[in-house]
Amino acid sequence: MLITTVVLFSTCALAIWPLPQNYTHGTTVLWLSPDVQIDYQLASSSPWYAFLLRTWNIRQAPVYSTGNQTNDGHPIVEAAIQRTKDTLFSENFVPWKFHPRNSDFEPAVNGSKTYIKTIALQQTQACNGLNSSLIDGGADESYSITVSEAGEATITAQSSASILWGLETLTQLFYTHSRRGEGVYTPLAPIKITDAPKFAHRGLNLDIARNYYEPADIKRTIDALAWNKFNRLHLHATDAQSWPLEIPTLPELAAKGAYRAGYSYSPDDLQDIQKYGLDRGVEVIIEIDMPGHTASVALSYPELITAFNVQPNWNNYSAEPPSGELKLNSTAVYMFLEKLFQDLLPRLKPYSGYFHSGGDEVNVNAYLLDETVRSNTSSVIQSLLQTFVDRVHRSIRAANLVPIVWEEMLLDWNLTLGNDVIIQTWRSDQAVADTVAKGYKTLAGNYNYWYLDCGHGQWLDSIPSSTLTPFPYLDYCSPLKNWRQIYSYNPLSLVPANATHLVLGAEVHLWSEQTDPVNLDPMLWPRAAAAGEVLWAGARDEQGRNRSQVEASPRLAEMRERMVLRGVRAGPVQMVFCTQNGTQCAL
């Protein structure tokens, strides 16, 4: 049987998103029925036995009768198997949009069929704990898939995280037949895939402070992230506009700082979201931005904030209204932060290895109004910022978490930061290069490419006498970043070869000035998926060239169809004429 390689595939032959490292296939049709068996072989962390074997009928969620469930990572794979069943048999699709109009592309159903009877999952290393392979960058995320013409299917992986990615890829090999009851099939056997990610940190930064999202919205986003093999969700949890994060020892923070009663996240909500993420291979990282972007604290603790809600010229004191920053030389502020961290950080630690302390867009003018500072001189502010960040990071480290900060703390304020601190860049590729040149680990995410909120126009109203925002009222980061622009971004663009190891990965960003639960999905998807492939497969092909949009477009369009069927309202990639007619929509 003819085997073709990745570069020669027709539209439906290479429908996997994100692109696997190596992939070969044939043209034999194999069928899958709901009574397929899944055999899970798990390497034990205990020396006195080599493997645990559990066999499930995919029709039913598995129930464990053995011990060691947490230490061996069983619940993660158990849940993933049930989701695989749901995807294959309840959320699959007929790929008519990806074949010529009215063509007979489906396999015959009136002859003999070869079925896949067993799918073997072989996890070659046991987890040291339920979460250990999913946080702190500790997981080997590589996996392989083999499917023979005879219907033997195996996924081999070292960790539970990579088992999840292998199962996700497996689902993308199958389609539903249009004739009811005929089941699902792959036209691609024999199949061989070996795969691993380019970057360890593949994230989305979602702003949940400027607009509120129900936990269900966040969980749906986690689902979509996992389908696209992201492994981090960074929640920008508080900002000047609202404080939706409940802190039991500081109850007025959310009681007064949330937009309304019920628009906040309880400790149980937060724990549930973080557990939900880990079950899908996605670590949820919390950010509390400081000392700027903290005006909402003044609604409950006004004595802690300087330059609160200055009107009408708020823009002299902050990037957005309302103005307000934590005072920089205040004992009361440090007591507040100590209480905040003692409450919050121990609750985060079981589910994350990091805490983001913000640090962007500090406005020096706010400190002219701070009675503990009374200066906007950079040298004065820099010294106080150093003390502030040192104290904050000591608290983060005391909770056994790794600090993350925005690039300004290093590149603008030239603070001395610990070697463990991760610098999140956002303003330019040069910022990435400058950060690694100083020896720091970094996350990329240039706003000129990866800010999903850009290009929707200015959200500020223009006063008739104002000339600050002339017609046509563009926002600061226009134009809109379509998936092709996102796909063209290379996080390693200006990074020398001897420093690429310091680029841990990147995040695509969605700030919520003009996004809320109603338009969340189409604002994110499928554009964020383009970033997902860059982070998984890399921005360049084996020849060092930009990856082809012509090759990527039909795969992304098919991924969009799968996401819609699974409950995410992703926007279209192209009109059906284009997906049905190969490269006719290319110039």
Protein backbone atom coordinates (compact mmCIF):
# COMPACT_ATOMS: atom_id res chain seq x y z
CA MET A 1 0.00 0.00 0.00
CA LEU A 2 1.37 3.41 -0.97
CA ILE A 3 2.56 5.47 1.98
CA THR A 4 2.70 9.23 1.53
CA THR A 5 4.58 11.73 3.68
CA VAL A 6 3.40 14.87 5.35
CA VAL A 7 4.26 17.25 2.53
CA LEU A 8 2.23 15.36 -0.10
CA PHE A 9 -1.08 15.01 1.70
CA SER A 10 -4.41 15.91 0.20
CA THR A 11 -6.77 17.96 2.34
CA CYS A 12 -8.29 15.10 4.32
CA ALA A 13 -5.09 13.09 4.52
CA LEU A 14 -3.40 15.62 6.78
CA ALA A 15 -6.17 16.96 8.94
CA ILE A 16 -4.30 16.84 12.25
CA TRP A 17 -3.98 20.10 14.17
CA PRO A 18 -1.46 21.00 15.44
CA LEU A 19 0.92 19.49 12.91
CA PRO A 20 2.70 16.37 14.18
CA GLN A 21 6.44 16.03 13.98
CA ASN A 22 6.38 12.98 11.70
CA TYR A 23 3.36 11.39 10.02
CA THR A 24 2.98 8.73 7.34
CA HIS A 25 -0.20 7.06 6.16
CA GLY A 26 -1.75 4.82 3.54
CA THR A 27 -5.16 4.53 1.90
CA THR A 28 -6.80 1.56 3.61
CA VAL A 29 -10.16 2.15 5.30
CA LEU A 30 -10.60 0.98 8.88
CA TRP A 31 -13.77 1.19 10.95
CA LEU A 32 -14.35 1.83 14.62
CA SER A 33 -17.39 0.70 16.58
CA PRO A 34 -18.49 1.70 20.09
CA ASP A 35 -17.49 -1.71 21.48
CA VAL A 36 -13.80 -1.16 20.72
CA GLN A 37 -11.62 -2.08 23.70
CA ILE A 38 -9.06 0.29 25.21
CA ASP A 39 -6.22 -1.43 27.08
CA TYR A 40 -4.24 0.84 29.35
CA GLN A 41 -0.79 -0.38 30.37
CA LEU A 42 0.78 1.81 33.02
CA ALA A 43 4.33 1.60 34.30
CA SER A 44 4.28 1.49 38.07
CA SER A 45 6.25 3.77 40.37
CA SER A 46 6.51 0.78 42.72
CA PRO A 47 9.48 -1.56 42.15
CA TRP A 48 7.58 -4.74 43.03
CA TYR A 49 5.41 -4.73 39.93
CA ALA A 50 6.09 -3.60 36.38
CA PHE A 51 2.71 -2.81 34.89
CA LEU A 52 -0.86 -2.34 35.89
CA LEU A 53 -3.31 -3.40 33.21
CA ARG A 54 -6.85 -2.19 33.05
CA THR A 55 -9.17 -2.96 30.15
CA TRP A 56 -12.24 -0.85 29.48
CA ASN A 57 -15.19 -1.09 27.21
CA ILE A 58 -15.34 2.38 25.68
CA ARG A 59 -19.11 2.47 26.06
CA GLN A 60 -18.78 2.95 29.78
CA ALA A 61 -16.66 5.19 31.92
CA PRO A 62 -14.05 3.00 33.64
CA VAL A 63 -14.19 2.39 37.36
CA TYR A 64 -10.98 1.64 39.24
CA SER A 65 -10.78 -1.12 41.78
CA THR A 66 -7.02 -0.87 42.29
CA GLY A 67 -5.26 1.48 44.66
CA ASN A 68 -2.56 4.05 43.90
CA GLN A 69 -4.97 6.05 41.75
CA THR A 70 -3.42 9.41 42.54
CA ASN A 71 0.22 8.33 42.39
CA ASP A 72 -0.13 6.50 39.10
CA GLY A 73 -2.17 9.11 37.25
CA HIS A 74 -5.18 6.85 36.63
CA PRO A 75 -7.94 9.47 36.91
CA ILE A 76 -6.45 11.64 34.18
CA VAL A 77 -6.37 8.83 31.64
CA GLU A 78 -9.71 7.46 32.83
CA ALA A 79 -11.42 10.76 32.08
CA ALA A 80 -9.55 11.15 28.78
CA ILE A 81 -10.77 7.77 27.58
CA GLN A 82 -14.37 8.74 28.24
CA ARG A 83 -13.88 12.03 26.40
CA THR A 84 -12.33 10.14 23.48
CA LYS A 85 -15.43 7.97 23.32
CA ASP A 86 -17.69 11.01 23.31
CA THR A 87 -15.67 12.69 20.58
CA LEU A 88 -15.46 9.67 18.29
CA PHE A 89 -19.06 8.56 18.50
CA SER A 90 -21.07 11.63 19.50
CA GLU A 91 -19.11 14.66 18.29
CA ASN A 92 -17.58 13.54 15.02
CA PHE A 93 -18.48 14.91 11.60
CA VAL A 94 -18.98 14.15 7.91
CA PRO A 95 -16.17 15.98 6.06
CA TRP A 96 -18.20 17.03 3.02
CA LYS A 97 -16.80 20.56 3.15
CA PHE A 98 -13.35 19.22 2.33
CA HIS A 99 -14.15 17.36 -0.89
CA PRO A 100 -15.31 18.58 -4.32
CA ARG A 101 -18.96 19.46 -4.57
CA ASN A 102 -21.27 16.40 -4.72
CA SER A 103 -18.30 14.01 -4.92
CA ASP A 104 -18.52 10.42 -3.73
CA PHE A 105 -15.73 10.56 -1.15
CA GLU A 106 -16.99 8.15 1.49
CA PRO A 107 -15.99 4.48 1.72
CA ALA A 108 -18.45 1.82 0.60
CA VAL A 109 -20.56 0.30 3.34
CA ASN A 110 -22.01 -2.73 1.53
CA GLY A 111 -18.86 -4.86 1.52
CA SER A 112 -16.71 -6.37 4.23
CA LYS A 113 -15.29 -4.02 6.84
CA THR A 114 -12.09 -4.25 8.82
CA TYR A 115 -12.54 -2.99 12.37
CA ILE A 116 -10.09 -1.74 14.94
CA LYS A 117 -10.87 -4.06 17.82
CA THR A 118 -8.39 -2.81 20.40
CA ILE A 119 -6.61 0.46 21.11
CA ALA A 120 -3.59 -0.09 23.35
CA LEU A 121 -2.40 2.79 25.53
CA GLN A 122 1.12 2.19 26.78
CA GLN A 123 2.41 4.66 29.35
CA THR A 124 6.06 3.83 29.89
CA GLN A 125 6.68 5.89 33.03
CA ALA A 126 4.50 6.29 36.09
CA CYS A 127 3.76 9.70 37.56
CA ASN A 128 5.22 10.63 40.93
CA GLY A 129 1.92 12.31 41.67
CA LEU A 130 -1.32 13.21 39.94
CA ASN A 131 -0.04 16.65 39.00
CA SER A 132 3.70 16.15 38.77
CA SER A 133 3.81 15.39 35.06
CA LEU A 134 1.59 18.34 34.16
CA ILE A 135 3.16 21.23 36.10
CA ASP A 136 6.61 22.74 36.41
CA GLY A 137 7.48 21.71 32.85
CA GLY A 138 8.21 18.21 34.12
CA ALA A 139 6.29 16.18 31.58
CA ASP A 140 7.73 14.34 28.62
CA GLU A 141 4.95 15.19 26.17
CA SER A 142 6.12 13.01 23.30
CA TYR A 143 3.93 10.20 22.00
CA SER A 144 3.63 7.85 19.06
CA ILE A 145 0.68 6.28 17.26
CA THR A 146 0.69 3.21 15.05
CA VAL A 147 -2.35 1.79 13.27
CA SER A 148 -1.85 -1.29 11.08
CA GLU A 149 -3.92 -2.27 8.07
CA ALA A 150 -5.15 -5.20 10.13
CA GLY A 151 -6.68 -2.82 12.67
CA GLU A 152 -4.14 -2.91 15.47
CA ALA A 153 -3.81 0.51 17.12
CA THR A 154 -1.28 1.58 19.76
CA ILE A 155 -0.50 4.86 21.48
CA THR A 156 2.81 4.90 23.33
CA ALA A 157 3.78 7.73 25.66
CA GLN A 158 5.90 8.38 28.71
CA SER A 159 3.46 10.48 30.74
CA SER A 160 -0.25 10.83 31.30
CA ALA A 161 -0.01 14.27 29.67
CA SER A 162 1.31 12.78 26.45
CA ILE A 163 -1.34 10.03 26.56
CA LEU A 164 -3.87 12.88 26.42
CA TRP A 165 -2.21 14.38 23.35
CA GLY A 166 -2.06 10.99 21.66
CA LEU A 167 -5.76 10.39 22.25
CA GLU A 168 -6.59 13.84 20.89
CA THR A 169 -4.61 13.15 17.73
CA LEU A 170 -6.31 9.76 17.38
CA THR A 171 -9.75 11.35 17.32
CA GLN A 172 -8.70 13.58 14.42
CA LEU A 173 -7.98 10.54 12.23
CA PHE A 174 -11.66 9.51 12.14
CA TYR A 175 -14.84 10.73 10.45
CA THR A 176 -18.50 9.85 10.68
CA HIS A 177 -20.17 8.21 7.68
CA SER A 178 -23.17 10.12 6.36
CA ARG A 179 -25.32 6.99 6.33
CA ARG A 180 -26.84 6.72 9.79
CA GLY A 181 -25.60 3.82 11.86
CA GLU A 182 -22.58 2.96 9.73
CA GLY A 183 -20.14 4.26 12.33
CA VAL A 184 -16.83 6.05 12.11
CA TYR A 185 -13.86 5.33 9.89
CA THR A 186 -10.37 6.38 8.92
CA PRO A 187 -9.29 6.22 5.27
CA LEU A 188 -5.61 6.48 6.17
CA ALA A 189 -4.28 3.09 7.39
CA PRO A 190 -1.55 2.16 7.94
CA ILE A 191 -0.67 5.16 10.09
CA LYS A 192 2.53 6.02 11.89
CA ILE A 193 2.95 9.21 13.93
CA THR A 194 5.77 10.32 16.19
CA ASP A 195 5.23 13.65 17.84
CA ALA A 196 6.54 16.05 20.49
CA PRO A 197 6.16 19.78 21.14
CA LYS A 198 8.63 22.48 20.16
CA PHE A 199 7.99 24.56 23.31
CA ALA A 200 7.32 23.48 26.90
CA HIS A 201 5.04 26.45 27.72
CA ARG A 202 2.12 26.81 25.31
CA GLY A 203 -0.35 29.23 26.80
CA LEU A 204 -3.32 31.56 26.57
CA ASN A 205 -3.54 34.66 28.75
CA LEU A 206 -7.23 35.37 29.42
CA ASP A 207 -8.33 38.57 31.17
CA ILE A 208 -11.17 37.67 33.57
CA ALA A 209 -11.16 41.00 35.42
CA ARG A 210 -12.36 43.57 32.88
CA ASN A 211 -15.34 41.36 32.09
CA TYR A 212 -16.61 38.43 34.10
CA TYR A 213 -16.76 34.88 32.74
CA GLU A 214 -18.71 32.07 34.33
CA PRO A 215 -16.59 29.07 35.38
CA ALA A 216 -18.31 27.15 32.58
CA ASP A 217 -16.90 29.63 30.04
CA ILE A 218 -13.41 29.13 31.43
CA LYS A 219 -13.79 25.36 31.41
CA ARG A 220 -14.98 25.40 27.81
CA THR A 221 -11.89 27.43 26.97
CA ILE A 222 -9.73 24.85 28.76
CA ASP A 223 -11.35 22.13 26.65
CA ALA A 224 -10.51 23.98 23.45
CA LEU A 225 -6.97 24.65 24.64
CA ALA A 226 -6.44 20.94 25.27
CA TRP A 227 -7.79 20.00 21.82
CA ASN A 228 -5.13 22.30 20.36
CA LYS A 229 -2.44 20.91 22.68
CA PHE A 230 -1.93 24.05 24.74
CA ASN A 231 -0.80 23.26 28.28
CA ARG A 232 -1.11 26.58 30.14
CA LEU A 233 -4.02 28.90 30.90
CA HIS A 234 -2.85 32.17 32.45
CA LEU A 235 -5.77 33.89 34.16
CA HIS A 236 -5.27 37.63 34.56
CA ALA A 237 -7.50 37.49 37.60
CA THR A 238 -7.68 41.07 38.92
CA ASP A 239 -7.25 44.57 37.51
CA ALA A 240 -8.18 48.21 38.06
CA GLN A 241 -11.77 47.66 36.94
CA SER A 242 -12.75 44.72 39.17
CA TRP A 243 -11.48 42.24 41.76
CA PRO A 244 -13.47 39.04 41.17
CA LEU A 245 -11.18 36.72 43.15
CA GLU A 246 -12.59 35.86 46.58
CA ILE A 247 -10.04 35.92 49.41
CA PRO A 248 -11.71 34.55 52.58
CA THR A 249 -9.37 36.40 54.95
CA LEU A 250 -10.02 39.64 53.03
CA PRO A 251 -13.70 39.19 52.21
CA GLU A 252 -14.40 42.79 51.21
CA LEU A 253 -11.98 42.60 48.27
CA ALA A 254 -14.43 40.68 46.09
CA ALA A 255 -17.57 41.74 47.97
CA LYS A 256 -16.89 45.35 47.00
CA GLY A 257 -14.47 44.85 44.12
CA ALA A 258 -16.51 42.51 41.91
CA TYR A 259 -18.91 44.13 39.46
CA ARG A 260 -21.89 42.69 41.33
CA ALA A 261 -22.79 39.91 43.74
CA GLY A 262 -22.18 36.56 42.08
CA TYR A 263 -19.57 37.92 39.68
CA SER A 264 -16.68 36.44 41.63
CA TYR A 265 -14.74 33.20 41.97
CA SER A 266 -14.89 31.40 45.29
CA PRO A 267 -12.01 29.21 46.50
CA ASP A 268 -14.06 26.21 45.41
CA ASP A 269 -14.58 27.73 41.96
CA LEU A 270 -10.87 28.36 41.58
CA GLN A 271 -9.91 24.89 42.75
CA ASP A 272 -12.48 23.34 40.43
CA ILE A 273 -11.12 25.29 37.45
CA GLN A 274 -7.55 24.30 38.25
CA LYS A 275 -8.44 20.62 38.70
CA TYR A 276 -10.45 20.69 35.50
CA GLY A 277 -7.40 22.03 33.70
CA LEU A 278 -5.00 19.43 35.06
CA ASP A 279 -7.36 16.63 34.05
CA ARG A 280 -6.94 17.89 30.48
CA GLY A 281 -3.22 18.60 30.59
CA VAL A 282 -3.66 22.36 31.10
CA GLU A 283 -2.05 24.06 34.10
CA VAL A 284 -3.96 27.14 35.29
CA ILE A 285 -1.66 29.97 36.41
CA ILE A 286 -3.08 32.92 38.37
CA GLU A 287 -1.90 36.51 37.99
CA ILE A 288 -2.55 39.35 40.40
CA ASP A 289 -1.06 42.39 38.70
CA MET A 290 0.79 44.79 40.99
CA PRO A 291 1.65 47.50 41.92
CA GLY A 292 -0.20 49.00 38.95
CA HIS A 293 -3.62 47.87 37.74
CA THR A 294 -4.86 47.68 41.34
CA ALA A 295 -7.46 50.47 41.58
CA SER A 296 -10.20 47.96 42.47
CA VAL A 297 -8.48 47.42 45.83
CA ALA A 298 -9.48 50.98 46.79
CA LEU A 299 -13.15 49.98 46.81
CA SER A 300 -12.48 48.02 50.00
CA TYR A 301 -9.13 49.35 51.22
CA PRO A 302 -8.84 52.98 50.01
CA GLU A 303 -5.86 53.68 52.26
CA LEU A 304 -3.70 51.29 50.20
CA ILE A 305 -4.12 52.98 46.82
CA THR A 306 -2.68 56.20 45.45
CA ALA A 307 -4.23 58.32 42.68
CA PHE A 308 -7.52 56.46 42.80
CA ASN A 309 -9.95 57.28 39.99
CA VAL A 310 -8.53 60.68 39.13
CA GLN A 311 -11.00 62.50 36.85
CA PRO A 312 -11.19 63.81 34.23
CA ASN A 313 -7.51 63.44 33.33
CA TRP A 314 -7.11 59.82 34.40
CA ASN A 315 -4.73 59.22 31.48
CA ASN A 316 -2.03 61.19 33.33
CA TYR A 317 -1.99 58.49 35.99
CA SER A 318 -2.84 55.18 34.29
CA ALA A 319 -3.14 53.37 30.98
CA GLU A 320 -6.89 52.84 31.47
CA PRO A 321 -9.56 54.12 33.82
CA PRO A 322 -9.85 53.99 36.74
CA SER A 323 -6.40 55.12 37.82
CA GLY A 324 -4.89 53.79 41.03
CA GLU A 325 -1.77 51.91 42.15
CA LEU A 326 -0.62 50.28 45.37
CA LYS A 327 1.36 52.67 47.49
CA LEU A 328 5.06 51.84 47.31
CA ASN A 329 6.36 52.76 50.76
CA SER A 330 3.48 51.71 52.96
CA THR A 331 3.61 49.26 55.85
CA ALA A 332 -0.13 48.77 55.49
CA VAL A 333 0.33 47.63 51.86
CA TYR A 334 2.89 45.02 52.90
CA MET A 335 0.63 43.76 55.68
CA PHE A 336 -2.22 43.50 53.16
CA LEU A 337 -0.08 41.57 50.67
CA GLU A 338 1.18 39.21 53.36
CA LYS A 339 -2.38 38.38 54.33
CA LEU A 340 -3.40 38.01 50.69
CA PHE A 341 -0.55 35.62 49.89
CA GLN A 342 -0.98 33.56 53.04
CA ASP A 343 -4.58 32.92 52.01
CA LEU A 344 -4.22 32.46 48.25
CA LEU A 345 -0.84 30.91 47.45
CA PRO A 346 -1.18 27.69 49.49
CA ARG A 347 -4.47 27.06 47.68
CA LEU A 348 -2.81 27.42 44.28
CA LYS A 349 0.26 25.31 44.94
CA PRO A 350 -1.30 21.84 44.61
CA TYR A 351 -2.36 22.65 41.05
CA SER A 352 0.30 25.02 39.71
CA GLY A 353 4.02 25.64 39.88
CA TYR A 354 3.86 29.38 39.17
CA PHE A 355 2.38 32.67 40.32
CA HIS A 356 2.33 35.79 38.14
CA SER A 357 2.87 39.03 40.07
CA GLY A 358 2.35 41.37 37.10
CA GLY A 359 4.41 44.54 37.05
CA ASP A 360 3.42 46.15 33.76
CA GLU A 361 2.54 49.77 33.02
CA VAL A 362 3.58 51.33 36.33
CA ASN A 363 2.77 55.04 36.05
CA VAL A 364 5.23 57.22 37.96
CA ASN A 365 2.83 60.18 38.18
CA ALA A 366 0.60 58.21 40.55
CA TYR A 367 3.37 58.44 43.14
CA LEU A 368 3.29 62.22 43.18
CA LEU A 369 -0.02 61.70 45.01
CA ASP A 370 1.35 58.93 47.27
CA GLU A 371 2.05 60.51 50.66
CA THR A 372 4.64 57.77 51.30
CA VAL A 373 6.60 58.75 48.18
CA ARG A 374 5.70 62.25 46.81
CA SER A 375 7.88 61.82 43.75
CA ASN A 376 7.70 60.74 40.13
CA THR A 377 11.46 60.58 39.72
CA SER A 378 12.44 57.26 38.17
CA SER A 379 15.42 56.71 40.46
CA VAL A 380 13.22 57.12 43.53
CA ILE A 381 10.52 54.83 42.15
CA GLN A 382 13.07 52.24 41.01
CA SER A 383 14.48 51.81 44.53
CA LEU A 384 11.02 51.41 46.03
CA LEU A 385 9.96 49.02 43.27
CA GLN A 386 13.00 46.85 43.96
CA THR A 387 12.02 46.56 47.61
CA PHE A 388 8.40 45.90 46.67
CA VAL A 389 9.20 43.14 44.17
CA ASP A 390 11.77 41.54 46.48
CA ARG A 391 9.15 41.19 49.22
CA VAL A 392 6.48 39.92 46.85
CA HIS A 393 8.79 37.31 45.35
CA ARG A 394 9.95 36.12 48.76
CA SER A 395 6.34 35.33 49.57
CA ILE A 396 5.87 33.52 46.25
CA ARG A 397 9.00 31.43 46.80
CA ALA A 398 7.94 30.67 50.37
CA ALA A 399 4.87 29.01 48.87
CA ASN A 400 7.16 26.93 46.60
CA LEU A 401 5.97 28.75 43.50
CA VAL A 402 8.03 30.29 40.70
CA PRO A 403 7.50 34.04 40.13
CA ILE A 404 6.54 35.41 36.71
CA VAL A 405 6.65 39.14 35.92
CA TRP A 406 5.92 41.34 32.93
CA GLU A 407 8.95 42.56 30.98
CA GLU A 408 8.90 46.13 32.30
CA MET A 409 10.29 45.04 35.67
CA LEU A 410 13.50 43.92 33.96
CA LEU A 411 13.77 45.98 30.81
CA ASP A 412 12.33 49.35 31.91
CA TRP A 413 13.08 49.41 35.62
CA ASN A 414 16.24 47.31 35.50
CA LEU A 415 15.34 45.52 38.71
CA THR A 416 17.58 42.81 40.08
CA LEU A 417 15.48 39.67 39.87
CA GLY A 418 16.15 36.14 41.00
CA ASN A 419 17.45 33.61 38.49
CA ASP A 420 14.25 31.65 38.95
CA VAL A 421 12.02 34.52 37.78
CA ILE A 422 10.38 34.09 34.37
CA ILE A 423 10.03 37.27 32.32
CA GLN A 424 6.89 37.54 30.20
CA THR A 425 7.51 39.79 27.21
CA TRP A 426 4.79 41.39 25.12
CA ARG A 427 6.00 44.54 23.36
CA SER A 428 8.46 43.31 20.73
CA ASP A 429 10.76 40.57 19.51
CA GLN A 430 13.63 42.75 20.70
CA ALA A 431 12.28 42.40 24.24
CA VAL A 432 12.65 38.63 23.96
CA ALA A 433 16.22 39.02 22.70
CA ASP A 434 17.10 41.55 25.43
CA THR A 435 15.68 39.31 28.14
CA VAL A 436 17.60 36.20 27.14
CA ALA A 437 20.73 38.32 26.68
CA LYS A 438 20.49 39.07 30.40
CA GLY A 439 20.29 35.33 31.10
CA TYR A 440 16.62 35.14 32.09
CA LYS A 441 14.05 32.58 31.03
CA THR A 442 11.28 34.19 29.07
CA LEU A 443 7.84 33.82 27.53
CA ALA A 444 7.19 35.45 24.17
CA GLY A 445 3.93 36.86 22.77
CA ASN A 446 4.50 40.00 20.70
CA TYR A 447 1.34 42.14 20.74
CA ASN A 448 1.84 42.98 17.05
CA TYR A 449 1.04 39.35 16.30
CA TRP A 450 -0.60 37.65 19.28
CA TYR A 451 -3.03 40.14 20.87
CA LEU A 452 -6.43 38.80 19.91
CA ASP A 453 -8.31 41.87 21.16
CA CYS A 454 -6.59 44.19 18.66
CA GLY A 455 -8.26 45.63 15.58
CA HIS A 456 -11.80 46.01 16.92
CA GLY A 457 -11.59 49.78 17.18
CA GLN A 458 -11.13 52.18 20.05
CA TRP A 459 -13.20 51.22 23.10
CA LEU A 460 -12.92 54.70 24.63
CA ASP A 461 -15.61 57.23 23.73
CA SER A 462 -14.23 60.32 22.00
CA ILE A 463 -15.27 63.65 23.54
CA PRO A 464 -16.36 66.00 20.72
CA SER A 465 -13.60 68.50 21.47
CA SER A 466 -10.93 65.81 21.74
CA THR A 467 -8.33 65.16 19.05
CA LEU A 468 -6.75 62.21 20.83
CA THR A 469 -8.66 59.57 18.89
CA PRO A 470 -9.31 60.76 15.34
CA PHE A 471 -11.48 59.03 12.79
CA PRO A 472 -11.62 56.09 12.08
CA TYR A 473 -11.17 55.47 15.82
CA LEU A 474 -8.60 52.70 15.63
CA ASP A 475 -7.31 51.06 18.76
CA TYR A 476 -3.64 51.30 19.70
CA CYS A 477 -2.75 47.91 18.26
CA SER A 478 -4.77 47.81 15.02
CA PRO A 479 -5.14 46.03 12.70
CA LEU A 480 -6.93 42.84 13.71
CA LYS A 481 -4.55 39.91 13.95
CA ASN A 482 -6.07 37.30 11.66
CA TRP A 483 -4.97 33.69 11.89
CA ARG A 484 -2.44 34.12 9.09
CA GLN A 485 -0.64 36.92 10.92
CA ILE A 486 -0.70 34.88 14.12
CA TYR A 487 0.63 31.86 12.21
CA SER A 488 3.54 33.89 10.81
CA TYR A 489 4.93 34.81 14.23
CA ASN A 490 8.22 33.22 15.26
CA PRO A 491 8.87 33.45 19.03
CA LEU A 492 12.58 32.87 18.33
CA SER A 493 12.86 35.57 15.68
CA LEU A 494 15.78 37.56 17.14
CA VAL A 495 17.07 34.97 19.62
CA PRO A 496 20.60 33.62 18.96
CA ALA A 497 20.93 29.86 18.65
CA ASN A 498 22.84 29.58 21.91
CA ALA A 499 19.98 31.20 23.87
CA THR A 500 16.87 29.52 22.44
CA HIS A 501 16.69 27.24 25.47
CA LEU A 502 15.81 30.29 27.56
CA VAL A 503 12.60 30.84 25.56
CA LEU A 504 10.28 28.49 27.44
CA GLY A 505 7.42 29.20 25.06
CA ALA A 506 4.85 31.90 24.56
CA GLU A 507 1.29 32.98 25.24
CA VAL A 508 -1.41 34.34 22.98
CA HIS A 509 -3.42 37.06 24.74
CA LEU A 510 -7.06 38.07 24.99
CA TRP A 511 -7.74 41.24 26.98
CA SER A 512 -11.40 41.78 27.72
CA GLU A 513 -12.20 45.44 27.12
CA GLN A 514 -14.45 44.35 24.23
CA THR A 515 -14.86 40.65 24.98
CA ASP A 516 -17.36 38.99 27.29
CA PRO A 517 -19.03 35.55 27.44
CA VAL A 518 -21.18 36.31 24.38
CA ASN A 519 -18.28 36.69 21.96
CA LEU A 520 -15.53 34.84 23.84
CA ASP A 521 -15.39 31.80 21.55
CA PRO A 522 -15.15 33.57 18.18
CA MET A 523 -12.66 36.07 19.61
CA LEU A 524 -10.42 33.17 20.57
CA TRP A 525 -11.04 30.51 17.95
CA PRO A 526 -9.77 29.54 15.47
CA ARG A 527 -7.15 32.29 15.73
CA ALA A 528 -5.66 31.00 18.98
CA ALA A 529 -5.33 27.60 17.33
CA ALA A 530 -2.86 29.14 14.88
CA ALA A 531 -0.69 30.12 17.84
CA GLY A 532 -1.12 26.61 19.19
CA GLU A 533 0.45 25.09 16.10
CA VAL A 534 3.37 27.54 16.21
CA LEU A 535 4.02 26.52 19.81
CA TRP A 536 3.64 22.80 19.19
CA ALA A 537 5.31 22.40 15.78
CA GLY A 538 7.43 25.55 15.56
CA ALA A 539 7.09 28.51 13.22
CA ARG A 540 9.49 27.11 10.64
CA ASP A 541 9.49 23.89 8.63
CA GLU A 542 12.42 21.50 8.30
CA GLN A 543 13.97 23.74 5.63
CA GLY A 544 13.77 26.80 7.88
CA ARG A 545 10.96 28.42 5.90
CA ASN A 546 7.73 29.91 7.20
CA ARG A 547 5.09 27.21 7.32
CA SER A 548 2.70 27.29 4.37
CA GLN A 549 -0.70 28.92 4.84
CA VAL A 550 -1.94 26.96 1.83
CA GLU A 551 -1.13 23.71 3.59
CA ALA A 552 -2.34 24.89 7.00
CA SER A 553 -5.63 26.45 5.92
CA PRO A 554 -7.62 23.25 5.21
CA ARG A 555 -6.30 21.60 8.36
CA LEU A 556 -7.32 24.60 10.47
CA ALA A 557 -10.71 24.69 8.76
CA GLU A 558 -11.28 21.05 9.63
CA MET A 559 -10.15 21.64 13.19
CA ARG A 560 -12.72 24.43 13.36
CA GLU A 561 -15.46 22.00 12.31
CA ARG A 562 -14.45 19.59 15.05
CA MET A 563 -14.43 22.38 17.65
CA VAL A 564 -17.92 23.56 16.68
CA LEU A 565 -19.29 20.03 17.01
CA ARG A 566 -17.70 19.80 20.45
CA GLY A 567 -19.45 22.93 21.67
CA VAL A 568 -17.08 25.82 20.92
CA ARG A 569 -18.44 28.60 18.68
CA ALA A 570 -15.31 29.06 16.58
CA GLY A 571 -15.46 31.33 13.54
CA PRO A 572 -14.94 30.07 9.97
CA VAL A 573 -11.52 29.90 8.35
CA GLN A 574 -12.75 30.19 4.75
CA MET A 575 -15.98 29.88 2.80
CA VAL A 576 -16.98 26.39 1.67
CA PHE A 577 -15.98 27.08 -1.95
CA CYS A 578 -12.38 27.35 -0.79
CA THR A 579 -12.36 24.25 1.37
CA GLN A 580 -13.96 22.22 -1.42
CA ASN A 581 -11.56 23.34 -4.12
CA GLY A 582 -8.05 22.92 -2.82
CA THR A 583 -5.76 25.82 -3.69
CA GLN A 584 -8.17 27.85 -5.81
CA CYS A 585 -8.41 30.47 -3.03
CA ALA A 586 -4.69 31.18 -3.03
CA LEU A 587 -2.61 33.86 -4.79
